Amino acid sequence: MNATTRLQRFAPNHRGRDLAVGDIHGCFSKLSEALHRIGFAPERDRLFAVGDLVGRGPESPQVLHWLAQPWFHSVCGNHDLMTWRRALGIPLQEVDHVAHGGQWLDALAAPVQRKIAQGLRALPLALEVQTALGPVGIVHADFPYDDWQAIASGSFSANDAGMCLWSIERYRCGYRQPVRNVRAVIHGHMTVSRPAQLGNVFFIDTGGWRDGGRFTLLDLRTLRPA
């Protein structure tokens, strides 16, 4: 991950709701509308994103504004990784960022590219949010273990981190074994027509960034859409 924090933990929110949202992909106006519809209150509610903040939508440069909000938090997604790597002149050799919706980056001045790169590079690989019923983990794409505590272990490898960013194996295989020592794990990355669940693992990228798609806002207390 190169300078990215592996795990960031959050204490319970005793004042309002904690919500998770699927991949945003530079569609921040559409996300704002979705938050307005459910009465999101930034003075007491928090929003946790599953990554891929930038990439395919028209408003990717707005990511700096969102990252500056004290109520907004996110893990790193594969599109975020591709973006900061290319902005800093160290692109991933095995993936063509432009071909995967990264052309927006080239329209920005170099200083803005660097600021975006710094913000995305600082995103953690995983979040752990405490709720009244136990912790909820958030990872962009997949989690390669059946025990959440593996994320903090010394044996967690670079390959494991790569699976967290890119893999769809759990969803593809329909693997229903629960992840131990966590109430639930929330993923994006795999676009689904409606929220899906395998064991205690939830997939919530319902294509809010697509025409005709919608953002799923999952309440971390109830594990139901808000």
Protein backbone atom coordinates (compact mmCIF):
# COMPACT_ATOMS: atom_id res chain seq x y z
CA MET A 1 0.00 0.00 0.00
CA ASN A 2 2.99 2.30 0.34
CA ALA A 3 2.48 4.76 3.21
CA THR A 4 -1.20 3.96 3.70
CA THR A 5 -2.36 3.17 7.24
CA ARG A 6 -3.67 -0.37 7.45
CA LEU A 7 -6.45 0.10 10.03
CA GLN A 8 -8.16 3.16 11.47
CA ARG A 9 -10.53 2.74 14.41
CA PHE A 10 -13.50 4.91 15.41
CA ALA A 11 -15.23 5.12 18.78
CA PRO A 12 -19.04 4.81 18.97
CA ASN A 13 -21.14 7.72 17.80
CA HIS A 14 -23.44 8.51 20.71
CA ARG A 15 -24.95 11.60 19.08
CA GLY A 16 -26.30 10.35 15.77
CA ARG A 17 -26.14 7.77 13.01
CA ASP A 18 -23.17 6.07 11.41
CA LEU A 19 -23.79 5.27 7.75
CA ALA A 20 -21.75 3.43 5.13
CA VAL A 21 -21.99 4.27 1.44
CA GLY A 22 -20.94 2.33 -1.65
CA ASP A 23 -18.47 3.45 -4.32
CA ILE A 24 -18.86 7.17 -5.11
CA HIS A 25 -16.71 7.49 -8.26
CA GLY A 26 -16.84 11.27 -8.44
CA CYS A 27 -20.63 11.59 -8.21
CA PHE A 28 -20.73 13.81 -5.16
CA SER A 29 -23.80 15.84 -6.13
CA LYS A 30 -25.82 12.67 -6.47
CA LEU A 31 -24.49 11.50 -3.10
CA SER A 32 -25.47 14.83 -1.53
CA GLU A 33 -29.00 14.36 -2.82
CA ALA A 34 -29.16 10.87 -1.34
CA LEU A 35 -27.95 12.17 2.03
CA HIS A 36 -30.53 14.96 1.94
CA ARG A 37 -33.32 12.46 1.31
CA ILE A 38 -32.53 10.53 4.49
CA GLY A 39 -32.07 13.66 6.62
CA PHE A 40 -28.32 13.29 7.12
CA ALA A 41 -27.19 15.73 9.82
CA PRO A 42 -23.44 16.43 9.64
CA GLU A 43 -23.41 17.93 13.12
CA ARG A 44 -24.22 14.51 14.60
CA ASP A 45 -24.09 11.84 11.85
CA ARG A 46 -20.99 10.26 10.25
CA LEU A 47 -20.52 8.85 6.77
CA PHE A 48 -18.06 6.03 6.06
CA ALA A 49 -17.22 5.28 2.42
CA VAL A 50 -16.01 1.94 1.05
CA GLY A 51 -13.49 3.64 -1.26
CA ASP A 52 -13.36 4.45 -4.96
CA LEU A 53 -14.12 8.06 -4.16
CA VAL A 54 -12.85 9.11 -7.59
CA GLY A 55 -12.70 7.66 -11.05
CA ARG A 56 -15.69 7.44 -13.32
CA GLY A 57 -17.92 10.41 -12.46
CA PRO A 58 -17.63 14.07 -13.45
CA GLU A 59 -16.91 15.50 -9.99
CA SER A 60 -13.80 13.59 -8.95
CA PRO A 61 -11.83 16.81 -8.20
CA GLN A 62 -14.39 17.57 -5.46
CA VAL A 63 -12.86 14.76 -3.41
CA LEU A 64 -10.64 17.29 -1.62
CA HIS A 65 -13.70 19.09 -0.24
CA TRP A 66 -15.21 15.84 1.02
CA LEU A 67 -12.00 14.59 2.58
CA ALA A 68 -11.83 17.84 4.55
CA GLN A 69 -15.20 17.24 6.24
CA PRO A 70 -14.88 16.00 9.86
CA TRP A 71 -17.90 13.70 9.44
CA PHE A 72 -16.63 11.95 6.27
CA HIS A 73 -14.22 9.00 6.36
CA SER A 74 -13.16 6.43 3.79
CA VAL A 75 -10.95 3.47 3.08
CA CYS A 76 -8.76 3.38 -0.01
CA GLY A 77 -10.24 1.79 -3.12
CA ASN A 78 -8.41 0.53 -6.17
CA HIS A 79 -9.38 3.64 -8.17
CA ASP A 80 -8.06 5.85 -5.38
CA LEU A 81 -4.81 3.88 -5.45
CA MET A 82 -4.49 4.18 -9.23
CA THR A 83 -5.13 7.91 -9.01
CA TRP A 84 -2.56 8.82 -6.36
CA ARG A 85 0.06 6.57 -7.85
CA ARG A 86 -0.25 8.14 -11.32
CA ALA A 87 -0.50 11.68 -9.91
CA LEU A 88 2.83 11.15 -8.14
CA GLY A 89 4.51 9.71 -11.22
CA ILE A 90 4.58 6.09 -10.02
CA PRO A 91 1.64 4.55 -11.92
CA LEU A 92 0.66 0.93 -11.55
CA GLN A 93 2.28 -0.81 -14.49
CA GLU A 94 -0.30 -3.58 -14.72
CA VAL A 95 -3.37 -1.30 -14.98
CA ASP A 96 -4.15 1.51 -17.44
CA HIS A 97 -5.64 4.18 -15.19
CA VAL A 98 -6.92 6.29 -18.09
CA ALA A 99 -8.74 3.30 -19.58
CA HIS A 100 -10.42 2.77 -16.20
CA GLY A 101 -11.94 6.25 -15.94
CA GLY A 102 -8.84 8.19 -14.91
CA GLN A 103 -8.75 10.74 -17.71
CA TRP A 104 -10.20 13.41 -15.44
CA LEU A 105 -6.87 13.68 -13.65
CA ASP A 106 -5.07 15.03 -16.72
CA ALA A 107 -7.32 18.10 -16.85
CA LEU A 108 -6.05 19.32 -13.46
CA ALA A 109 -3.04 21.50 -12.75
CA ALA A 110 -0.06 19.71 -11.24
CA PRO A 111 -0.45 21.30 -7.76
CA VAL A 112 -4.09 20.13 -7.59
CA GLN A 113 -3.08 16.65 -8.70
CA ARG A 114 -0.53 16.53 -5.90
CA LYS A 115 -3.07 17.65 -3.29
CA ILE A 116 -5.51 14.98 -4.41
CA ALA A 117 -2.73 12.40 -4.38
CA GLN A 118 -1.78 13.33 -0.83
CA GLY A 119 -5.37 13.04 0.35
CA LEU A 120 -5.98 9.68 -1.31
CA ARG A 121 -2.61 8.28 -0.28
CA ALA A 122 -3.47 8.92 3.37
CA LEU A 123 -6.61 6.76 3.24
CA PRO A 124 -6.43 3.58 5.35
CA LEU A 125 -6.87 0.10 3.99
CA ALA A 126 -9.58 -0.70 6.55
CA LEU A 127 -11.86 1.05 9.04
CA GLU A 128 -13.30 -0.36 12.24
CA VAL A 129 -16.33 1.46 13.62
CA GLN A 130 -17.60 0.63 17.08
CA THR A 131 -21.37 0.34 17.44
CA ALA A 132 -23.58 -0.51 20.42
CA LEU A 133 -23.75 -4.09 19.12
CA GLY A 134 -20.08 -4.54 18.28
CA PRO A 135 -17.48 -3.39 15.75
CA VAL A 136 -18.16 -3.12 12.02
CA GLY A 137 -15.28 -3.41 9.56
CA ILE A 138 -15.08 -1.60 6.23
CA VAL A 139 -12.76 -2.74 3.42
CA HIS A 140 -13.08 -1.81 -0.24
CA ALA A 141 -13.23 -5.09 -2.16
CA ASP A 142 -12.70 -8.26 -0.12
CA PHE A 143 -11.24 -9.61 3.10
CA PRO A 144 -8.91 -12.62 2.76
CA TYR A 145 -9.42 -14.11 6.24
CA ASP A 146 -12.24 -15.52 8.36
CA ASP A 147 -11.00 -13.59 11.40
CA TRP A 148 -11.12 -9.79 11.47
CA GLN A 149 -8.19 -9.70 13.89
CA ALA A 150 -5.94 -10.74 10.99
CA ILE A 151 -6.00 -7.13 9.75
CA ALA A 152 -3.88 -6.10 12.75
CA SER A 153 -1.54 -9.09 12.74
CA GLY A 154 2.09 -9.11 11.71
CA SER A 155 1.41 -11.83 9.15
CA PHE A 156 -0.94 -9.64 7.08
CA SER A 157 0.93 -9.42 3.78
CA ALA A 158 1.14 -7.15 0.74
CA ASN A 159 -0.79 -9.80 -1.16
CA ASP A 160 -3.52 -9.66 1.49
CA ALA A 161 -3.66 -5.89 1.09
CA GLY A 162 -3.99 -6.33 -2.66
CA MET A 163 -6.97 -8.63 -2.16
CA CYS A 164 -8.60 -5.97 0.02
CA LEU A 165 -8.34 -3.58 -2.93
CA TRP A 166 -9.02 -5.76 -5.96
CA SER A 167 -10.50 -9.19 -5.17
CA ILE A 168 -14.07 -10.35 -5.84
CA GLU A 169 -13.46 -13.95 -4.74
CA ARG A 170 -15.84 -14.01 -1.77
CA TYR A 171 -18.70 -12.68 -3.87
CA ARG A 172 -17.82 -14.74 -6.96
CA CYS A 173 -17.70 -17.98 -4.96
CA GLY A 174 -20.73 -17.17 -2.81
CA TYR A 175 -18.59 -17.83 0.28
CA ARG A 176 -20.86 -17.55 3.33
CA GLN A 177 -18.45 -18.28 6.19
CA PRO A 178 -18.79 -15.40 8.67
CA VAL A 179 -15.80 -13.27 9.59
CA ARG A 180 -15.11 -13.79 13.30
CA ASN A 181 -14.45 -11.08 15.89
CA VAL A 182 -16.45 -8.44 14.04
CA ARG A 183 -20.17 -7.83 13.82
CA ALA A 184 -20.11 -7.23 10.06
CA VAL A 185 -17.75 -6.37 7.22
CA ILE A 186 -18.86 -3.90 4.55
CA HIS A 187 -17.53 -3.95 0.97
CA GLY A 188 -18.03 -2.03 -2.26
CA HIS A 189 -16.14 -2.68 -5.52
CA MET A 190 -18.51 -5.37 -6.80
CA THR A 191 -21.48 -3.52 -8.29
CA VAL A 192 -24.76 -5.22 -7.41
CA SER A 193 -28.35 -4.39 -8.30
CA ARG A 194 -29.33 -4.38 -4.63
CA PRO A 195 -27.39 -4.84 -1.38
CA ALA A 196 -26.13 -8.41 -1.00
CA GLN A 197 -25.08 -10.38 2.08
CA LEU A 198 -22.88 -13.46 2.50
CA GLY A 199 -22.64 -14.51 6.14
CA ASN A 200 -21.90 -11.27 7.96
CA VAL A 201 -20.31 -9.65 4.90
CA PHE A 202 -22.31 -6.96 3.05
CA PHE A 203 -21.84 -5.66 -0.50
CA ILE A 204 -23.33 -2.18 -0.90
CA ASP A 205 -22.08 -0.74 -4.20
CA THR A 206 -25.45 -0.44 -5.92
CA GLY A 207 -24.12 1.73 -8.73
CA GLY A 208 -24.90 5.19 -7.42
CA TRP A 209 -22.31 6.46 -9.90
CA ARG A 210 -24.16 4.91 -12.84
CA ASP A 211 -27.11 6.29 -14.77
CA GLY A 212 -30.09 4.58 -13.22
CA GLY A 213 -28.11 3.41 -10.20
CA ARG A 214 -28.53 4.54 -6.62
CA PHE A 215 -26.44 4.98 -3.53
CA THR A 216 -27.07 2.54 -0.71
CA LEU A 217 -26.64 4.16 2.71
CA LEU A 218 -26.31 1.36 5.25
CA ASP A 219 -27.02 2.18 8.89
CA LEU A 220 -24.20 0.55 10.87
CA ARG A 221 -26.40 0.11 13.95
CA THR A 222 -29.22 -1.78 12.22
CA LEU A 223 -27.24 -3.08 9.21
CA ARG A 224 -30.20 -2.00 7.08
CA PRO A 225 -30.43 0.69 4.40
CA ALA A 226 -31.38 4.06 5.85
